[in-house]
């Protein structure tokens, strides 16, 4: 399964997920990110 397909499936799941799952996913992303590894868009920096 390619990255684009995984991304699409995750978006579908997130749209239906409860807050607990969304918070879990957000925490995983935050734990994985390093400031110098990513450039966040302005909309993502708001959160």
PDB file of N, CA and C in Angstrom:
ATOM      1  N   UNK A   1       0.857  -1.168   0.000  1.00  0.00           N
ATOM      2  CA  UNK A   1       0.000   0.000   0.000  1.00  0.00           C
ATOM      3  C   UNK A   1       0.903   1.230   0.000  1.00  0.00           C
ATOM      4  N   UNK A   2       0.633   2.145  -0.898  1.00  0.00           N
ATOM      5  CA  UNK A   2       1.447   3.343  -1.017  1.00  0.00           C
ATOM      6  C   UNK A   2       1.044   4.431  -0.037  1.00  0.00           C
ATOM      7  N   UNK A   3       1.908   5.416   0.080  1.00  0.00           N
ATOM      8  CA  UNK A   3       1.663   6.512   1.009  1.00  0.00           C
ATOM      9  C   UNK A   3       0.378   7.268   0.728  1.00  0.00           C
ATOM     10  N   UNK A   4       0.089   7.506  -0.555  1.00  0.00           N
ATOM     11  CA  UNK A   4      -1.130   8.240  -0.908  1.00  0.00           C
ATOM     12  C   UNK A   4      -2.379   7.472  -0.486  1.00  0.00           C
ATOM     13  N   UNK A   5      -2.359   6.171  -0.673  1.00  0.00           N
ATOM     14  CA  UNK A   5      -3.519   5.355  -0.301  1.00  0.00           C
ATOM     15  C   UNK A   5      -3.682   5.317   1.220  1.00  0.00           C
ATOM     16  N   UNK A   6      -2.582   5.185   1.940  1.00  0.00           N
ATOM     17  CA  UNK A   6      -2.633   5.190   3.407  1.00  0.00           C
ATOM     18  C   UNK A   6      -3.178   6.525   3.901  1.00  0.00           C
ATOM     19  N   UNK A   7      -2.688   7.616   3.308  1.00  0.00           N
ATOM     20  CA  UNK A   7      -3.145   8.949   3.686  1.00  0.00           C
ATOM     21  C   UNK A   7      -4.654   9.089   3.486  1.00  0.00           C
ATOM     22  N   UNK A   8      -5.145   8.609   2.349  1.00  0.00           N
ATOM     23  CA  UNK A   8      -6.576   8.686   2.058  1.00  0.00           C
ATOM     24  C   UNK A   8      -7.397   7.879   3.067  1.00  0.00           C
ATOM     25  N   UNK A   9      -6.934   6.674   3.387  1.00  0.00           N
ATOM     26  CA  UNK A   9      -7.642   5.835   4.351  1.00  0.00           C
ATOM     27  C   UNK A   9      -7.642   6.463   5.744  1.00  0.00           C
ATOM     28  N   UNK A  10      -6.507   7.051   6.134  1.00  0.00           N
ATOM     29  CA  UNK A  10      -6.445   7.715   7.435  1.00  0.00           C
ATOM     30  C   UNK A  10      -7.389   8.910   7.496  1.00  0.00           C
ATOM     31  N   UNK A  11      -7.469   9.676   6.407  1.00  0.00           N
ATOM     32  CA  UNK A  11      -8.395  10.812   6.379  1.00  0.00           C
ATOM     33  C   UNK A  11      -9.832  10.344   6.546  1.00  0.00           C
ATOM     34  N   UNK A  12     -10.199   9.273   5.886  1.00  0.00           N
ATOM     35  CA  UNK A  12     -11.551   8.724   6.030  1.00  0.00           C
ATOM     36  C   UNK A  12     -11.808   8.307   7.474  1.00  0.00           C
ATOM     37  N   UNK A  13     -10.822   7.631   8.073  1.00  0.00           N
ATOM     38  CA  UNK A  13     -10.989   7.148   9.438  1.00  0.00           C
ATOM     39  C   UNK A  13     -11.082   8.310  10.420  1.00  0.00           C
ATOM     40  N   UNK A  14     -10.238   9.323  10.232  1.00  0.00           N
ATOM     41  CA  UNK A  14     -10.234  10.482  11.120  1.00  0.00           C
ATOM     42  C   UNK A  14     -11.577  11.198  11.075  1.00  0.00           C
ATOM     43  N   UNK A  15     -12.158  11.297   9.890  1.00  0.00           N
ATOM     44  CA  UNK A  15     -13.452  11.973   9.755  1.00  0.00           C
ATOM     45  C   UNK A  15     -14.550  11.276  10.549  1.00  0.00           C
ATOM     46  N   UNK A  16     -14.383   9.984  10.827  1.00  0.00           N
ATOM     47  CA  UNK A  16     -15.389   9.216  11.563  1.00  0.00           C
ATOM     48  C   UNK A  16     -14.973   8.925  13.007  1.00  0.00           C
ATOM     49  N   UNK A  17     -13.732   9.212  13.349  1.00  0.00           N
ATOM     50  CA  UNK A  17     -13.178   8.815  14.643  1.00  0.00           C
ATOM     51  C   UNK A  17     -13.685   9.690  15.785  1.00  0.00           C
ATOM     52  N   UNK A  18     -13.585   9.137  16.985  1.00  0.00           N
ATOM     53  CA  UNK A  18     -13.933   9.916  18.167  1.00  0.00           C
ATOM     54  C   UNK A  18     -12.716  10.715  18.642  1.00  0.00           C
ATOM     55  N   UNK A  19     -12.942  11.618  19.584  1.00  0.00           N
ATOM     56  CA  UNK A  19     -11.877  12.494  20.065  1.00  0.00           C
ATOM     57  C   UNK A  19     -10.707  11.728  20.670  1.00  0.00           C
ATOM     58  N   UNK A  20     -10.990  10.623  21.318  1.00  0.00           N
ATOM     59  CA  UNK A  20      -9.923   9.835  21.948  1.00  0.00           C
ATOM     60  C   UNK A  20      -8.917   9.360  20.904  1.00  0.00           C
ATOM     61  N   UNK A  21      -9.409   8.858  19.779  1.00  0.00           N
ATOM     62  CA  UNK A  21      -8.520   8.377  18.723  1.00  0.00           C
ATOM     63  C   UNK A  21      -7.766   9.531  18.074  1.00  0.00           C
ATOM     64  N   UNK A  22      -8.450  10.635  17.848  1.00  0.00           N
ATOM     65  CA  UNK A  22      -7.798  11.793  17.234  1.00  0.00           C
ATOM     66  C   UNK A  22      -6.686  12.310  18.142  1.00  0.00           C
ATOM     67  N   UNK A  23      -6.930  12.366  19.443  1.00  0.00           N
ATOM     68  CA  UNK A  23      -5.893  12.788  20.390  1.00  0.00           C
ATOM     69  C   UNK A  23      -4.714  11.826  20.384  1.00  0.00           C
ATOM     70  N   UNK A  24      -4.984  10.533  20.262  1.00  0.00           N
ATOM     71  CA  UNK A  24      -3.923   9.535  20.198  1.00  0.00           C
ATOM     72  C   UNK A  24      -3.063   9.740  18.954  1.00  0.00           C
ATOM     73  N   UNK A  25      -3.701   9.924  17.806  1.00  0.00           N
ATOM     74  CA  UNK A  25      -2.955  10.146  16.563  1.00  0.00           C
ATOM     75  C   UNK A  25      -2.124  11.418  16.644  1.00  0.00           C
ATOM     76  N   UNK A  26      -2.704  12.466  17.196  1.00  0.00           N
ATOM     77  CA  UNK A  26      -1.988  13.734  17.327  1.00  0.00           C
ATOM     78  C   UNK A  26      -0.751  13.569  18.218  1.00  0.00           C
ATOM     79  N   UNK A  27      -0.901  12.848  19.311  1.00  0.00           N
ATOM     80  CA  UNK A  27       0.223  12.614  20.223  1.00  0.00           C
ATOM     81  C   UNK A  27       1.329  11.818  19.535  1.00  0.00           C
ATOM     82  N   UNK A  28       0.954  10.846  18.707  1.00  0.00           N
ATOM     83  CA  UNK A  28       1.966  10.066  17.983  1.00  0.00           C
ATOM     84  C   UNK A  28       2.732  10.946  17.000  1.00  0.00           C
ATOM     85  N   UNK A  29       2.026  11.817  16.305  1.00  0.00           N
ATOM     86  CA  UNK A  29       2.681  12.717  15.357  1.00  0.00           C
ATOM     87  C   UNK A  29       3.612  13.667  16.094  1.00  0.00           C
ATOM     88  N   UNK A  30       3.147  14.232  17.194  1.00  0.00           N
ATOM     89  CA  UNK A  30       3.971  15.151  17.970  1.00  0.00           C
ATOM     90  C   UNK A  30       5.227  14.460  18.498  1.00  0.00           C
ATOM     91  N   UNK A  31       5.103  13.222  18.941  1.00  0.00           N
ATOM     92  CA  UNK A  31       6.248  12.482  19.468  1.00  0.00           C
ATOM     93  C   UNK A  31       7.261  12.180  18.371  1.00  0.00           C
ATOM     94  N   UNK A  32       6.788  12.036  17.152  1.00  0.00           N
ATOM     95  CA  UNK A  32       7.660  11.680  16.033  1.00  0.00           C
ATOM     96  C   UNK A  32       8.336  12.889  15.398  1.00  0.00           C
ATOM     97  N   UNK A  33       7.763  14.051  15.582  1.00  0.00           N
ATOM     98  CA  UNK A  33       8.268  15.248  14.903  1.00  0.00           C
ATOM     99  C   UNK A  33       9.470  15.848  15.613  1.00  0.00           C
ATOM    100  N   UNK A  34      10.382  16.353  14.812  1.00  0.00           N
ATOM    101  CA  UNK A  34      11.491  17.156  15.308  1.00  0.00           C
ATOM    102  C   UNK A  34      11.383  18.491  14.586  1.00  0.00           C
ATOM    103  N   UNK A  35      11.669  19.568  15.267  1.00  0.00           N
ATOM    104  CA  UNK A  35      11.471  20.891  14.675  1.00  0.00           C
ATOM    105  C   UNK A  35      12.170  21.055  13.339  1.00  0.00           C
ATOM    106  N   UNK A  36      13.360  20.524  13.190  1.00  0.00           N
ATOM    107  CA  UNK A  36      14.112  20.719  11.953  1.00  0.00           C
ATOM    108  C   UNK A  36      13.737  19.730  10.853  1.00  0.00           C
ATOM    109  N   UNK A  37      12.855  18.786  11.143  1.00  0.00           N
ATOM    110  CA  UNK A  37      12.473  17.780  10.154  1.00  0.00           C
ATOM    111  C   UNK A  37      11.253  18.162   9.332  1.00  0.00           C
ATOM    112  N   UNK A  38      10.435  19.083   9.802  1.00  0.00           N
ATOM    113  CA  UNK A  38       9.157  19.372   9.160  1.00  0.00           C
ATOM    114  C   UNK A  38       8.934  20.864   9.031  1.00  0.00           C
ATOM    115  N   UNK A  39       8.245  21.245   7.976  1.00  0.00           N
ATOM    116  CA  UNK A  39       7.778  22.612   7.811  1.00  0.00           C
ATOM    117  C   UNK A  39       6.262  22.565   7.839  1.00  0.00           C
ATOM    118  N   UNK A  40       5.658  23.095   8.893  1.00  0.00           N
ATOM    119  CA  UNK A  40       4.212  23.075   9.041  1.00  0.00           C
ATOM    120  C   UNK A  40       3.589  24.259   8.313  1.00  0.00           C
ATOM    121  N   UNK A  41       2.430  24.031   7.739  1.00  0.00           N
ATOM    122  CA  UNK A  41       1.699  25.118   7.103  1.00  0.00           C
ATOM    123  C   UNK A  41       1.133  26.029   8.187  1.00  0.00           C
ATOM    124  N   UNK A  42       0.731  27.223   7.793  1.00  0.00           N
ATOM    125  CA  UNK A  42       0.191  28.194   8.750  1.00  0.00           C
ATOM    126  C   UNK A  42      -1.034  27.646   9.465  1.00  0.00           C
ATOM    127  N   UNK A  43      -1.885  26.930   8.763  1.00  0.00           N
ATOM    128  CA  UNK A  43      -3.101  26.383   9.389  1.00  0.00           C
ATOM    129  C   UNK A  43      -2.753  25.334  10.444  1.00  0.00           C
ATOM    130  N   UNK A  44      -1.706  24.541  10.213  1.00  0.00           N
ATOM    131  CA  UNK A  44      -1.316  23.528  11.193  1.00  0.00           C
ATOM    132  C   UNK A  44      -0.630  24.157  12.402  1.00  0.00           C
ATOM    133  N   UNK A  45       0.039  25.280  12.199  1.00  0.00           N
ATOM    134  CA  UNK A  45       0.705  25.955  13.314  1.00  0.00           C
ATOM    135  C   UNK A  45      -0.299  26.537  14.307  1.00  0.00           C
ATOM    136  N   UNK A  46      -1.550  26.756  13.874  1.00  0.00           N
ATOM    137  CA  UNK A  46      -2.581  27.294  14.766  1.00  0.00           C
ATOM    138  C   UNK A  46      -2.905  26.323  15.886  1.00  0.00           C
ATOM    139  N   UNK A  47      -2.750  25.035  15.646  1.00  0.00           N
ATOM    140  CA  UNK A  47      -3.110  24.018  16.620  1.00  0.00           C
ATOM    141  C   UNK A  47      -1.899  23.665  17.398  1.00  0.00           C
TER     142      UNK A  47
END
